[in-house]
Amino acid sequence: MERIDFADLQAFVTVLRCRSFKLAAIELGLSSSAVSHAIRRLETRLGARLLNRTSRSVSSTALGQEIAEKLSSGFDTISSALDTVNAPGRGRFGVLRINVFADAAAQLIAPSLTVKDSRQ
């Protein structure tokens, strides 16, 4: 089996949640055509139909629903892991020292930064 693109899986889950290619495209920042191609690629690689499409609606097949449920829990796990990395305070790597004139520090830099006393 060919390698499946993560973006195609994300597009599939988004289309199913939104029940619309157009709304999914807006959410993903893509064109409706790009989302449609992603779903077609995914279905081709899996050798199975995941979505039932009509001119007015989109719904999942039984297999599509089963896959979407498993993917959603996986995406939730990934999102949770990324939230941990992006948590406040996790991006601190060390102390930054800036040498500037006292007036510039007081008027320009101090209002923009949270200053931590290095003696703590």
PDB file of N, CA and C in Angstrom:
ATOM      1  N   MET A   1       0.845  -1.181   0.000  1.00  0.00           N
ATOM      2  CA  MET A   1       0.000   0.000   0.000  1.00  0.00           C
ATOM      3  C   MET A   1       0.888   1.242   0.000  1.00  0.00           C
ATOM      4  N   GLU A   2       0.497   2.225  -0.789  1.00  0.00           N
ATOM      5  CA  GLU A   2       1.241   3.473  -0.836  1.00  0.00           C
ATOM      6  C   GLU A   2       1.122   4.229   0.477  1.00  0.00           C
ATOM      7  N   ARG A   3       2.066   5.081   0.699  1.00  0.00           N
ATOM      8  CA  ARG A   3       2.056   5.913   1.898  1.00  0.00           C
ATOM      9  C   ARG A   3       0.906   6.921   1.818  1.00  0.00           C
ATOM     10  N   ILE A   4       0.148   7.055   2.899  1.00  0.00           N
ATOM     11  CA  ILE A   4      -0.988   7.966   2.942  1.00  0.00           C
ATOM     12  C   ILE A   4      -0.553   9.268   3.591  1.00  0.00           C
ATOM     13  N   ASP A   5      -0.917  10.367   2.967  1.00  0.00           N
ATOM     14  CA  ASP A   5      -0.537  11.694   3.426  1.00  0.00           C
ATOM     15  C   ASP A   5      -1.400  12.121   4.620  1.00  0.00           C
ATOM     16  N   PHE A   6      -0.759  12.621   5.650  1.00  0.00           N
ATOM     17  CA  PHE A   6      -1.437  13.116   6.851  1.00  0.00           C
ATOM     18  C   PHE A   6      -2.467  14.184   6.492  1.00  0.00           C
ATOM     19  N   ALA A   7      -2.141  15.059   5.549  1.00  0.00           N
ATOM     20  CA  ALA A   7      -3.052  16.135   5.146  1.00  0.00           C
ATOM     21  C   ALA A   7      -4.328  15.571   4.522  1.00  0.00           C
ATOM     22  N   ASP A   8      -4.215  14.460   3.781  1.00  0.00           N
ATOM     23  CA  ASP A   8      -5.398  13.830   3.195  1.00  0.00           C
ATOM     24  C   ASP A   8      -6.310  13.287   4.293  1.00  0.00           C
ATOM     25  N   LEU A   9      -5.720  12.707   5.320  1.00  0.00           N
ATOM     26  CA  LEU A   9      -6.515  12.200   6.444  1.00  0.00           C
ATOM     27  C   LEU A   9      -7.202  13.342   7.179  1.00  0.00           C
ATOM     28  N   GLN A  10      -6.484  14.444   7.363  1.00  0.00           N
ATOM     29  CA  GLN A  10      -7.071  15.619   8.018  1.00  0.00           C
ATOM     30  C   GLN A  10      -8.219  16.171   7.184  1.00  0.00           C
ATOM     31  N   ALA A  11      -8.051  16.214   5.873  1.00  0.00           N
ATOM     32  CA  ALA A  11      -9.109  16.703   4.988  1.00  0.00           C
ATOM     33  C   ALA A  11     -10.344  15.810   5.102  1.00  0.00           C
ATOM     34  N   PHE A  12     -10.136  14.506   5.146  1.00  0.00           N
ATOM     35  CA  PHE A  12     -11.258  13.572   5.269  1.00  0.00           C
ATOM     36  C   PHE A  12     -12.037  13.818   6.559  1.00  0.00           C
ATOM     37  N   VAL A  13     -11.353  13.901   7.673  1.00  0.00           N
ATOM     38  CA  VAL A  13     -12.014  14.116   8.964  1.00  0.00           C
ATOM     39  C   VAL A  13     -12.745  15.460   8.969  1.00  0.00           C
ATOM     40  N   THR A  14     -12.145  16.476   8.381  1.00  0.00           N
ATOM     41  CA  THR A  14     -12.761  17.798   8.350  1.00  0.00           C
ATOM     42  C   THR A  14     -14.009  17.810   7.470  1.00  0.00           C
ATOM     43  N   VAL A  15     -13.947  17.175   6.308  1.00  0.00           N
ATOM     44  CA  VAL A  15     -15.120  17.093   5.427  1.00  0.00           C
ATOM     45  C   VAL A  15     -16.258  16.385   6.146  1.00  0.00           C
ATOM     46  N   LEU A  16     -15.946  15.319   6.821  1.00  0.00           N
ATOM     47  CA  LEU A  16     -16.984  14.559   7.519  1.00  0.00           C
ATOM     48  C   LEU A  16     -17.597  15.377   8.652  1.00  0.00           C
ATOM     49  N   ARG A  17     -16.765  16.097   9.394  1.00  0.00           N
ATOM     50  CA  ARG A  17     -17.268  16.914  10.501  1.00  0.00           C
ATOM     51  C   ARG A  17     -18.119  18.071   9.990  1.00  0.00           C
ATOM     52  N   CYS A  18     -17.666  18.724   8.915  1.00  0.00           N
ATOM     53  CA  CYS A  18     -18.380  19.872   8.356  1.00  0.00           C
ATOM     54  C   CYS A  18     -19.555  19.460   7.477  1.00  0.00           C
ATOM     55  N   ARG A  19     -19.528  18.221   7.003  1.00  0.00           N
ATOM     56  CA  ARG A  19     -20.548  17.709   6.077  1.00  0.00           C
ATOM     57  C   ARG A  19     -20.612  18.525   4.791  1.00  0.00           C
ATOM     58  N   SER A  20     -19.449  19.082   4.423  1.00  0.00           N
ATOM     59  CA  SER A  20     -19.392  19.922   3.227  1.00  0.00           C
ATOM     60  C   SER A  20     -17.940  20.073   2.786  1.00  0.00           C
ATOM     61  N   PHE A  21     -17.713  19.913   1.482  1.00  0.00           N
ATOM     62  CA  PHE A  21     -16.376  20.137   0.947  1.00  0.00           C
ATOM     63  C   PHE A  21     -16.019  21.620   1.031  1.00  0.00           C
ATOM     64  N   LYS A  22     -16.987  22.479   0.758  1.00  0.00           N
ATOM     65  CA  LYS A  22     -16.734  23.915   0.761  1.00  0.00           C
ATOM     66  C   LYS A  22     -16.370  24.408   2.160  1.00  0.00           C
ATOM     67  N   LEU A  23     -17.152  24.008   3.169  1.00  0.00           N
ATOM     68  CA  LEU A  23     -16.850  24.446   4.538  1.00  0.00           C
ATOM     69  C   LEU A  23     -15.521  23.871   5.034  1.00  0.00           C
ATOM     70  N   ALA A  24     -15.251  22.625   4.665  1.00  0.00           N
ATOM     71  CA  ALA A  24     -13.970  22.011   5.042  1.00  0.00           C
ATOM     72  C   ALA A  24     -12.817  22.762   4.392  1.00  0.00           C
ATOM     73  N   ALA A  25     -12.993  23.140   3.135  1.00  0.00           N
ATOM     74  CA  ALA A  25     -11.948  23.877   2.423  1.00  0.00           C
ATOM     75  C   ALA A  25     -11.667  25.207   3.098  1.00  0.00           C
ATOM     76  N   ILE A  26     -12.727  25.896   3.505  1.00  0.00           N
ATOM     77  CA  ILE A  26     -12.552  27.178   4.192  1.00  0.00           C
ATOM     78  C   ILE A  26     -11.786  26.979   5.495  1.00  0.00           C
ATOM     79  N   GLU A  27     -12.180  25.957   6.259  1.00  0.00           N
ATOM     80  CA  GLU A  27     -11.514  25.697   7.540  1.00  0.00           C
ATOM     81  C   GLU A  27     -10.051  25.331   7.360  1.00  0.00           C
ATOM     82  N   LEU A  28      -9.754  24.575   6.311  1.00  0.00           N
ATOM     83  CA  LEU A  28      -8.379  24.126   6.071  1.00  0.00           C
ATOM     84  C   LEU A  28      -7.544  25.143   5.301  1.00  0.00           C
ATOM     85  N   GLY A  29      -8.185  26.191   4.795  1.00  0.00           N
ATOM     86  CA  GLY A  29      -7.458  27.194   4.014  1.00  0.00           C
ATOM     87  C   GLY A  29      -7.063  26.690   2.641  1.00  0.00           C
ATOM     88  N   LEU A  30      -7.904  25.830   2.063  1.00  0.00           N
ATOM     89  CA  LEU A  30      -7.653  25.258   0.742  1.00  0.00           C
ATOM     90  C   LEU A  30      -8.824  25.544  -0.174  1.00  0.00           C
ATOM     91  N   SER A  31      -8.684  25.199  -1.437  1.00  0.00           N
ATOM     92  CA  SER A  31      -9.815  25.301  -2.359  1.00  0.00           C
ATOM     93  C   SER A  31     -10.663  24.036  -2.232  1.00  0.00           C
ATOM     94  N   SER A  32     -11.916  24.136  -2.623  1.00  0.00           N
ATOM     95  CA  SER A  32     -12.793  22.958  -2.608  1.00  0.00           C
ATOM     96  C   SER A  32     -12.230  21.858  -3.500  1.00  0.00           C
ATOM     97  N   SER A  33     -11.645  22.266  -4.605  1.00  0.00           N
ATOM     98  CA  SER A  33     -11.042  21.308  -5.532  1.00  0.00           C
ATOM     99  C   SER A  33      -9.887  20.551  -4.880  1.00  0.00           C
ATOM    100  N   ALA A  34      -9.050  21.258  -4.129  1.00  0.00           N
ATOM    101  CA  ALA A  34      -7.917  20.609  -3.454  1.00  0.00           C
ATOM    102  C   ALA A  34      -8.405  19.599  -2.424  1.00  0.00           C
ATOM    103  N   VAL A  35      -9.464  19.940  -1.705  1.00  0.00           N
ATOM    104  CA  VAL A  35     -10.026  19.016  -0.718  1.00  0.00           C
ATOM    105  C   VAL A  35     -10.604  17.796  -1.424  1.00  0.00           C
ATOM    106  N   SER A  36     -11.308  18.014  -2.525  1.00  0.00           N
ATOM    107  CA  SER A  36     -11.874  16.911  -3.302  1.00  0.00           C
ATOM    108  C   SER A  36     -10.779  15.978  -3.807  1.00  0.00           C
ATOM    109  N   HIS A  37      -9.695  16.544  -4.301  1.00  0.00           N
ATOM    110  CA  HIS A  37      -8.570  15.727  -4.774  1.00  0.00           C
ATOM    111  C   HIS A  37      -7.936  14.939  -3.628  1.00  0.00           C
ATOM    112  N   ALA A  38      -7.841  15.546  -2.454  1.00  0.00           N
ATOM    113  CA  ALA A  38      -7.275  14.853  -1.292  1.00  0.00           C
ATOM    114  C   ALA A  38      -8.130  13.642  -0.925  1.00  0.00           C
ATOM    115  N   ILE A  39      -9.452  13.806  -0.939  1.00  0.00           N
ATOM    116  CA  ILE A  39     -10.347  12.698  -0.613  1.00  0.00           C
ATOM    117  C   ILE A  39     -10.241  11.616  -1.681  1.00  0.00           C
ATOM    118  N   ARG A  40     -10.198  12.009  -2.932  1.00  0.00           N
ATOM    119  CA  ARG A  40     -10.062  11.040  -4.024  1.00  0.00           C
ATOM    120  C   ARG A  40      -8.753  10.260  -3.894  1.00  0.00           C
ATOM    121  N   ARG A  41      -7.652  10.954  -3.578  1.00  0.00           N
ATOM    122  CA  ARG A  41      -6.356  10.269  -3.387  1.00  0.00           C
ATOM    123  C   ARG A  41      -6.450   9.254  -2.260  1.00  0.00           C
ATOM    124  N   LEU A  42      -7.057   9.663  -1.153  1.00  0.00           N
ATOM    125  CA  LEU A  42      -7.179   8.792   0.012  1.00  0.00           C
ATOM    126  C   LEU A  42      -8.010   7.558  -0.334  1.00  0.00           C
ATOM    127  N   GLU A  43      -9.142   7.758  -0.975  1.00  0.00           N
ATOM    128  CA  GLU A  43      -9.996   6.624  -1.343  1.00  0.00           C
ATOM    129  C   GLU A  43      -9.293   5.696  -2.322  1.00  0.00           C
ATOM    130  N   THR A  44      -8.529   6.257  -3.243  1.00  0.00           N
ATOM    131  CA  THR A  44      -7.786   5.449  -4.209  1.00  0.00           C
ATOM    132  C   THR A  44      -6.719   4.618  -3.508  1.00  0.00           C
ATOM    133  N   ARG A  45      -5.990   5.236  -2.607  1.00  0.00           N
ATOM    134  CA  ARG A  45      -4.928   4.520  -1.887  1.00  0.00           C
ATOM    135  C   ARG A  45      -5.477   3.423  -0.992  1.00  0.00           C
ATOM    136  N   LEU A  46      -6.641   3.672  -0.385  1.00  0.00           N
ATOM    137  CA  LEU A  46      -7.254   2.660   0.476  1.00  0.00           C
ATOM    138  C   LEU A  46      -8.032   1.628  -0.318  1.00  0.00           C
ATOM    139  N   GLY A  47      -8.386   1.957  -1.544  1.00  0.00           N
ATOM    140  CA  GLY A  47      -9.169   1.048  -2.372  1.00  0.00           C
ATOM    141  C   GLY A  47     -10.594   0.901  -1.882  1.00  0.00           C
ATOM    142  N   ALA A  48     -11.124   1.944  -1.252  1.00  0.00           N
ATOM    143  CA  ALA A  48     -12.484   1.891  -0.710  1.00  0.00           C
ATOM    144  C   ALA A  48     -13.104   3.275  -0.734  1.00  0.00           C
ATOM    145  N   ARG A  49     -14.414   3.294  -0.861  1.00  0.00           N
ATOM    146  CA  ARG A  49     -15.155   4.560  -0.828  1.00  0.00           C
ATOM    147  C   ARG A  49     -15.417   4.928   0.632  1.00  0.00           C
ATOM    148  N   LEU A  50     -15.069   6.147   1.025  1.00  0.00           N
ATOM    149  CA  LEU A  50     -15.231   6.607   2.397  1.00  0.00           C
ATOM    150  C   LEU A  50     -16.412   7.564   2.551  1.00  0.00           C
ATOM    151  N   LEU A  51     -16.743   8.270   1.471  1.00  0.00           N
ATOM    152  CA  LEU A  51     -17.813   9.260   1.527  1.00  0.00           C
ATOM    153  C   LEU A  51     -18.842   9.009   0.429  1.00  0.00           C
ATOM    154  N   ASN A  52     -20.094   9.215   0.775  1.00  0.00           N
ATOM    155  CA  ASN A  52     -21.169   9.247  -0.215  1.00  0.00           C
ATOM    156  C   ASN A  52     -21.413  10.705  -0.537  1.00  0.00           C
ATOM    157  N   ARG A  53     -21.332  11.052  -1.818  1.00  0.00           N
ATOM    158  CA  ARG A  53     -21.488  12.441  -2.228  1.00  0.00           C
ATOM    159  C   ARG A  53     -22.713  12.580  -3.118  1.00  0.00           C
ATOM    160  N   THR A  54     -23.473  13.613  -2.871  1.00  0.00           N
ATOM    161  CA  THR A  54     -24.521  14.031  -3.800  1.00  0.00           C
ATOM    162  C   THR A  54     -24.296  15.508  -4.051  1.00  0.00           C
ATOM    163  N   SER A  55     -25.095  16.080  -4.920  1.00  0.00           N
ATOM    164  CA  SER A  55     -24.917  17.510  -5.199  1.00  0.00           C
ATOM    165  C   SER A  55     -25.305  18.369  -3.996  1.00  0.00           C
ATOM    166  N   ARG A  56     -26.039  17.791  -3.039  1.00  0.00           N
ATOM    167  CA  ARG A  56     -26.502  18.564  -1.888  1.00  0.00           C
ATOM    168  C   ARG A  56     -25.915  18.152  -0.548  1.00  0.00           C
ATOM    169  N   SER A  57     -25.318  16.971  -0.472  1.00  0.00           N
ATOM    170  CA  SER A  57     -24.847  16.532   0.840  1.00  0.00           C
ATOM    171  C   SER A  57     -23.647  15.598   0.738  1.00  0.00           C
ATOM    172  N   VAL A  58     -22.990  15.455   1.871  1.00  0.00           N
ATOM    173  CA  VAL A  58     -21.867  14.528   2.020  1.00  0.00           C
ATOM    174  C   VAL A  58     -22.131  13.715   3.278  1.00  0.00           C
ATOM    175  N   SER A  59     -22.017  12.405   3.166  1.00  0.00           N
ATOM    176  CA  SER A  59     -22.158  11.544   4.337  1.00  0.00           C
ATOM    177  C   SER A  59     -21.120  10.438   4.246  1.00  0.00           C
ATOM    178  N   SER A  60     -20.870   9.800   5.367  1.00  0.00           N
ATOM    179  CA  SER A  60     -19.839   8.761   5.371  1.00  0.00           C
ATOM    180  C   SER A  60     -20.453   7.400   5.065  1.00  0.00           C
ATOM    181  N   THR A  61     -19.630   6.557   4.482  1.00  0.00           N
ATOM    182  CA  THR A  61     -19.994   5.153   4.360  1.00  0.00           C
ATOM    183  C   THR A  61     -19.749   4.524   5.726  1.00  0.00           C
ATOM    184  N   ALA A  62     -20.154   3.280   5.906  1.00  0.00           N
ATOM    185  CA  ALA A  62     -19.906   2.606   7.183  1.00  0.00           C
ATOM    186  C   ALA A  62     -18.408   2.534   7.467  1.00  0.00           C
ATOM    187  N   LEU A  63     -17.636   2.190   6.439  1.00  0.00           N
ATOM    188  CA  LEU A  63     -16.181   2.130   6.598  1.00  0.00           C
ATOM    189  C   LEU A  63     -15.618   3.522   6.887  1.00  0.00           C
ATOM    190  N   GLY A  64     -16.123   4.528   6.197  1.00  0.00           N
ATOM    191  CA  GLY A  64     -15.664   5.900   6.419  1.00  0.00           C
ATOM    192  C   GLY A  64     -15.917   6.359   7.838  1.00  0.00           C
ATOM    193  N   GLN A  65     -17.090   6.008   8.386  1.00  0.00           N
ATOM    194  CA  GLN A  65     -17.417   6.390   9.769  1.00  0.00           C
ATOM    195  C   GLN A  65     -16.478   5.709  10.754  1.00  0.00           C
ATOM    196  N   GLU A  66     -16.205   4.443  10.529  1.00  0.00           N
ATOM    197  CA  GLU A  66     -15.303   3.691  11.417  1.00  0.00           C
ATOM    198  C   GLU A  66     -13.895   4.281  11.394  1.00  0.00           C
ATOM    199  N   ILE A  67     -13.413   4.576  10.200  1.00  0.00           N
ATOM    200  CA  ILE A  67     -12.078   5.162  10.072  1.00  0.00           C
ATOM    201  C   ILE A  67     -12.043   6.555  10.699  1.00  0.00           C
ATOM    202  N   ALA A  68     -13.085   7.351  10.476  1.00  0.00           N
ATOM    203  CA  ALA A  68     -13.128   8.716  11.019  1.00  0.00           C
ATOM    204  C   ALA A  68     -13.084   8.712  12.535  1.00  0.00           C
ATOM    205  N   GLU A  69     -13.789   7.789  13.173  1.00  0.00           N
ATOM    206  CA  GLU A  69     -13.784   7.713  14.633  1.00  0.00           C
ATOM    207  C   GLU A  69     -12.387   7.415  15.155  1.00  0.00           C
ATOM    208  N   LYS A  70     -11.701   6.485  14.508  1.00  0.00           N
ATOM    209  CA  LYS A  70     -10.340   6.142  14.939  1.00  0.00           C
ATOM    210  C   LYS A  70      -9.367   7.280  14.660  1.00  0.00           C
ATOM    211  N   LEU A  71      -9.532   7.936  13.513  1.00  0.00           N
ATOM    212  CA  LEU A  71      -8.662   9.067  13.193  1.00  0.00           C
ATOM    213  C   LEU A  71      -8.885  10.226  14.151  1.00  0.00           C
ATOM    214  N   SER A  72     -10.135  10.485  14.497  1.00  0.00           N
ATOM    215  CA  SER A  72     -10.447  11.601  15.399  1.00  0.00           C
ATOM    216  C   SER A  72      -9.766  11.426  16.742  1.00  0.00           C
ATOM    217  N   SER A  73      -9.796  10.208  17.280  1.00  0.00           N
ATOM    218  CA  SER A  73      -9.115   9.990  18.567  1.00  0.00           C
ATOM    219  C   SER A  73      -7.606  10.158  18.408  1.00  0.00           C
ATOM    220  N   GLY A  74      -7.072   9.742  17.264  1.00  0.00           N
ATOM    221  CA  GLY A  74      -5.642   9.929  17.005  1.00  0.00           C
ATOM    222  C   GLY A  74      -5.277  11.397  16.888  1.00  0.00           C
ATOM    223  N   PHE A  75      -6.105  12.173  16.163  1.00  0.00           N
ATOM    224  CA  PHE A  75      -5.855  13.608  16.034  1.00  0.00           C
ATOM    225  C   PHE A  75      -5.989  14.310  17.382  1.00  0.00           C
ATOM    226  N   ASP A  76      -6.917  13.848  18.216  1.00  0.00           N
ATOM    227  CA  ASP A  76      -7.052  14.429  19.560  1.00  0.00           C
ATOM    228  C   ASP A  76      -5.789  14.190  20.379  1.00  0.00           C
ATOM    229  N   THR A  77      -5.226  12.993  20.256  1.00  0.00           N
ATOM    230  CA  THR A  77      -3.987  12.662  20.974  1.00  0.00           C
ATOM    231  C   THR A  77      -2.835  13.536  20.485  1.00  0.00           C
ATOM    232  N   ILE A  78      -2.733  13.698  19.180  1.00  0.00           N
ATOM    233  CA  ILE A  78      -1.676  14.539  18.607  1.00  0.00           C
ATOM    234  C   ILE A  78      -1.854  15.988  19.059  1.00  0.00           C
ATOM    235  N   SER A  79      -3.081  16.477  19.009  1.00  0.00           N
ATOM    236  CA  SER A  79      -3.363  17.849  19.428  1.00  0.00           C
ATOM    237  C   SER A  79      -3.006  18.062  20.892  1.00  0.00           C
ATOM    238  N   SER A  80      -3.322  17.095  21.728  1.00  0.00           N
ATOM    239  CA  SER A  80      -2.991  17.182  23.149  1.00  0.00           C
ATOM    240  C   SER A  80      -1.476  17.231  23.356  1.00  0.00           C
ATOM    241  N   ALA A  81      -0.759  16.419  22.614  1.00  0.00           N
ATOM    242  CA  ALA A  81       0.703  16.421  22.718  1.00  0.00           C
ATOM    243  C   ALA A  81       1.276  17.767  22.289  1.00  0.00           C
ATOM    244  N   LEU A  82       0.748  18.329  21.211  1.00  0.00           N
ATOM    245  CA  LEU A  82       1.233  19.626  20.746  1.00  0.00           C
ATOM    246  C   LEU A  82       0.872  20.740  21.705  1.00  0.00           C
ATOM    247  N   ASP A  83      -0.291  20.634  22.367  1.00  0.00           N
ATOM    248  CA  ASP A  83      -0.670  21.626  23.371  1.00  0.00           C
ATOM    249  C   ASP A  83       0.313  21.625  24.532  1.00  0.00           C
ATOM    250  N   THR A  84       0.828  20.462  24.876  1.00  0.00           N
ATOM    251  CA  THR A  84       1.821  20.353  25.944  1.00  0.00           C
ATOM    252  C   THR A  84       3.096  21.103  25.562  1.00  0.00           C
ATOM    253  N   VAL A  85       3.513  20.948  24.332  1.00  0.00           N
ATOM    254  CA  VAL A  85       4.717  21.629  23.857  1.00  0.00           C
ATOM    255  C   VAL A  85       4.496  23.135  23.811  1.00  0.00           C
ATOM    256  N   ASN A  86       3.301  23.552  23.428  1.00  0.00           N
ATOM    257  CA  ASN A  86       2.999  24.973  23.282  1.00  0.00           C
ATOM    258  C   ASN A  86       2.475  25.613  24.560  1.00  0.00           C
ATOM    259  N   ALA A  87       2.497  24.884  25.664  1.00  0.00           N
ATOM    260  CA  ALA A  87       1.986  25.408  26.930  1.00  0.00           C
ATOM    261  C   ALA A  87       2.804  26.626  27.358  1.00  0.00           C
ATOM    262  N   PRO A  88       2.153  27.563  28.036  1.00  0.00           N
ATOM    263  CA  PRO A  88       2.881  28.752  28.500  1.00  0.00           C
ATOM    264  C   PRO A  88       4.099  28.367  29.346  1.00  0.00           C
ATOM    265  N   GLY A  89       5.207  28.984  29.049  1.00  0.00           N
ATOM    266  CA  GLY A  89       6.419  28.730  29.817  1.00  0.00           C
ATOM    267  C   GLY A  89       7.283  27.614  29.268  1.00  0.00           C
ATOM    268  N   ARG A  90       6.753  26.821  28.323  1.00  0.00           N
ATOM    269  CA  ARG A  90       7.531  25.714  27.779  1.00  0.00           C
ATOM    270  C   ARG A  90       8.569  26.186  26.772  1.00  0.00           C
ATOM    271  N   GLY A  91       8.390  27.382  26.234  1.00  0.00           N
ATOM    272  CA  GLY A  91       9.306  27.881  25.218  1.00  0.00           C
ATOM    273  C   GLY A  91      10.505  28.613  25.780  1.00  0.00           C
ATOM    274  N   ARG A  92      10.653  28.641  27.081  1.00  0.00           N
ATOM    275  CA  ARG A  92      11.780  29.347  27.689  1.00  0.00           C
ATOM    276  C   ARG A  92      13.031  28.491  27.622  1.00  0.00           C
ATOM    277  N   PHE A  93      14.049  29.059  27.029  1.00  0.00           N
ATOM    278  CA  PHE A  93      15.277  28.301  26.844  1.00  0.00           C
ATOM    279  C   PHE A  93      16.449  28.852  27.638  1.00  0.00           C
ATOM    280  N   GLY A  94      16.283  29.977  28.260  1.00  0.00           N
ATOM    281  CA  GLY A  94      17.397  30.525  29.000  1.00  0.00           C
ATOM    282  C   GLY A  94      17.199  31.996  29.267  1.00  0.00           C
ATOM    283  N   VAL A  95      18.244  32.640  29.670  1.00  0.00           N
ATOM    284  CA  VAL A  95      18.209  34.046  30.033  1.00  0.00           C
ATOM    285  C   VAL A  95      18.707  34.862  28.855  1.00  0.00           C
ATOM    286  N   LEU A  96      18.022  35.937  28.583  1.00  0.00           N
ATOM    287  CA  LEU A  96      18.419  36.868  27.543  1.00  0.00           C
ATOM    288  C   LEU A  96      18.867  38.150  28.216  1.00  0.00           C
ATOM    289  N   ARG A  97      20.061  38.557  27.927  1.00  0.00           N
ATOM    290  CA  ARG A  97      20.579  39.808  28.479  1.00  0.00           C
ATOM    291  C   ARG A  97      20.706  40.812  27.350  1.00  0.00           C
ATOM    292  N   ILE A  98      20.190  42.013  27.604  1.00  0.00           N
ATOM    293  CA  ILE A  98      20.217  43.075  26.612  1.00  0.00           C
ATOM    294  C   ILE A  98      20.934  44.275  27.214  1.00  0.00           C
ATOM    295  N   ASN A  99      21.947  44.765  26.517  1.00  0.00           N
ATOM    296  CA  ASN A  99      22.680  45.950  26.972  1.00  0.00           C
ATOM    297  C   ASN A  99      22.178  47.165  26.198  1.00  0.00           C
ATOM    298  N   VAL A 100      21.467  48.046  26.898  1.00  0.00           N
ATOM    299  CA  VAL A 100      20.953  49.276  26.296  1.00  0.00           C
ATOM    300  C   VAL A 100      21.071  50.402  27.316  1.00  0.00           C
ATOM    301  N   PHE A 101      20.893  51.608  26.836  1.00  0.00           N
ATOM    302  CA  PHE A 101      20.873  52.737  27.751  1.00  0.00           C
ATOM    303  C   PHE A 101      19.662  52.612  28.661  1.00  0.00           C
ATOM    304  N   ALA A 102      19.779  53.122  29.866  1.00  0.00           N
ATOM    305  CA  ALA A 102      18.713  53.009  30.862  1.00  0.00           C
ATOM    306  C   ALA A 102      17.402  53.623  30.379  1.00  0.00           C
ATOM    307  N   ASP A 103      17.491  54.788  29.706  1.00  0.00           N
ATOM    308  CA  ASP A 103      16.270  55.432  29.211  1.00  0.00           C
ATOM    309  C   ASP A 103      15.562  54.557  28.173  1.00  0.00           C
ATOM    310  N   ALA A 104      16.327  53.974  27.270  1.00  0.00           N
ATOM    311  CA  ALA A 104      15.738  53.103  26.240  1.00  0.00           C
ATOM    312  C   ALA A 104      15.124  51.864  26.877  1.00  0.00           C
ATOM    313  N   ALA A 105      15.780  51.320  27.868  1.00  0.00           N
ATOM    314  CA  ALA A 105      15.244  50.141  28.553  1.00  0.00           C
ATOM    315  C   ALA A 105      13.927  50.463  29.237  1.00  0.00           C
ATOM    316  N   ALA A 106      13.864  51.608  29.899  1.00  0.00           N
ATOM    317  CA  ALA A 106      12.660  51.979  30.640  1.00  0.00           C
ATOM    318  C   ALA A 106      11.505  52.330  29.710  1.00  0.00           C
ATOM    319  N   GLN A 107      11.787  53.023  28.617  1.00  0.00           N
ATOM    320  CA  GLN A 107      10.710  53.511  27.757  1.00  0.00           C
ATOM    321  C   GLN A 107      10.313  52.538  26.649  1.00  0.00           C
ATOM    322  N   LEU A 108      11.248  51.761  26.133  1.00  0.00           N
ATOM    323  CA  LEU A 108      10.947  50.924  24.977  1.00  0.00           C
ATOM    324  C   LEU A 108      10.855  49.432  25.281  1.00  0.00           C
ATOM    325  N   ILE A 109      11.782  48.947  26.059  1.00  0.00           N
ATOM    326  CA  ILE A 109      11.862  47.500  26.245  1.00  0.00           C
ATOM    327  C   ILE A 109      11.007  47.015  27.411  1.00  0.00           C
ATOM    328  N   ALA A 110      11.103  47.660  28.550  1.00  0.00           N
ATOM    329  CA  ALA A 110      10.383  47.206  29.747  1.00  0.00           C
ATOM    330  C   ALA A 110       8.874  47.072  29.533  1.00  0.00           C
ATOM    331  N   PRO A 111       8.219  48.004  28.844  1.00  0.00           N
ATOM    332  CA  PRO A 111       6.772  47.848  28.660  1.00  0.00           C
ATOM    333  C   PRO A 111       6.398  46.615  27.827  1.00  0.00           C
ATOM    334  N   SER A 112       7.316  46.106  27.038  1.00  0.00           N
ATOM    335  CA  SER A 112       7.033  44.963  26.166  1.00  0.00           C
ATOM    336  C   SER A 112       7.385  43.611  26.766  1.00  0.00           C
ATOM    337  N   LEU A 113       8.131  43.605  27.829  1.00  0.00           N
ATOM    338  CA  LEU A 113       8.631  42.341  28.384  1.00  0.00           C
ATOM    339  C   LEU A 113       8.210  42.140  29.830  1.00  0.00           C
ATOM    340  N   THR A 114       8.125  40.887  30.183  1.00  0.00           N
ATOM    341  CA  THR A 114       7.998  40.538  31.599  1.00  0.00           C
ATOM    342  C   THR A 114       9.409  40.298  32.083  1.00  0.00           C
ATOM    343  N   VAL A 115       9.868  41.130  32.986  1.00  0.00           N
ATOM    344  CA  VAL A 115      11.245  41.033  33.444  1.00  0.00           C
ATOM    345  C   VAL A 115      11.293  40.169  34.687  1.00  0.00           C
ATOM    346  N   LYS A 116      12.165  39.178  34.643  1.00  0.00           N
ATOM    347  CA  LYS A 116      12.341  38.290  35.787  1.00  0.00           C
ATOM    348  C   LYS A 116      13.684  38.615  36.430  1.00  0.00           C
ATOM    349  N   ASP A 117      13.672  38.779  37.721  1.00  0.00           N
ATOM    350  CA  ASP A 117      14.889  39.082  38.454  1.00  0.00           C
ATOM    351  C   ASP A 117      15.821  37.888  38.372  1.00  0.00           C
ATOM    352  N   SER A 118      17.053  38.083  37.941  1.00  0.00           N
ATOM    353  CA  SER A 118      18.001  36.976  37.755  1.00  0.00           C
ATOM    354  C   SER A 118      18.483  36.398  39.072  1.00  0.00           C
ATOM    355  N   ARG A 119      18.190  37.074  40.201  1.00  0.00           N
ATOM    356  CA  ARG A 119      18.625  36.576  41.508  1.00  0.00           C
ATOM    357  C   ARG A 119      17.703  35.485  42.042  1.00  0.00           C
ATOM    358  N   GLN A 120      16.568  35.250  41.380  1.00  0.00           N
ATOM    359  CA  GLN A 120      15.614  34.245  41.889  1.00  0.00           C
ATOM    360  C   GLN A 120      16.020  32.849  41.518  1.00  0.00           C
TER     361      GLN A 120
END
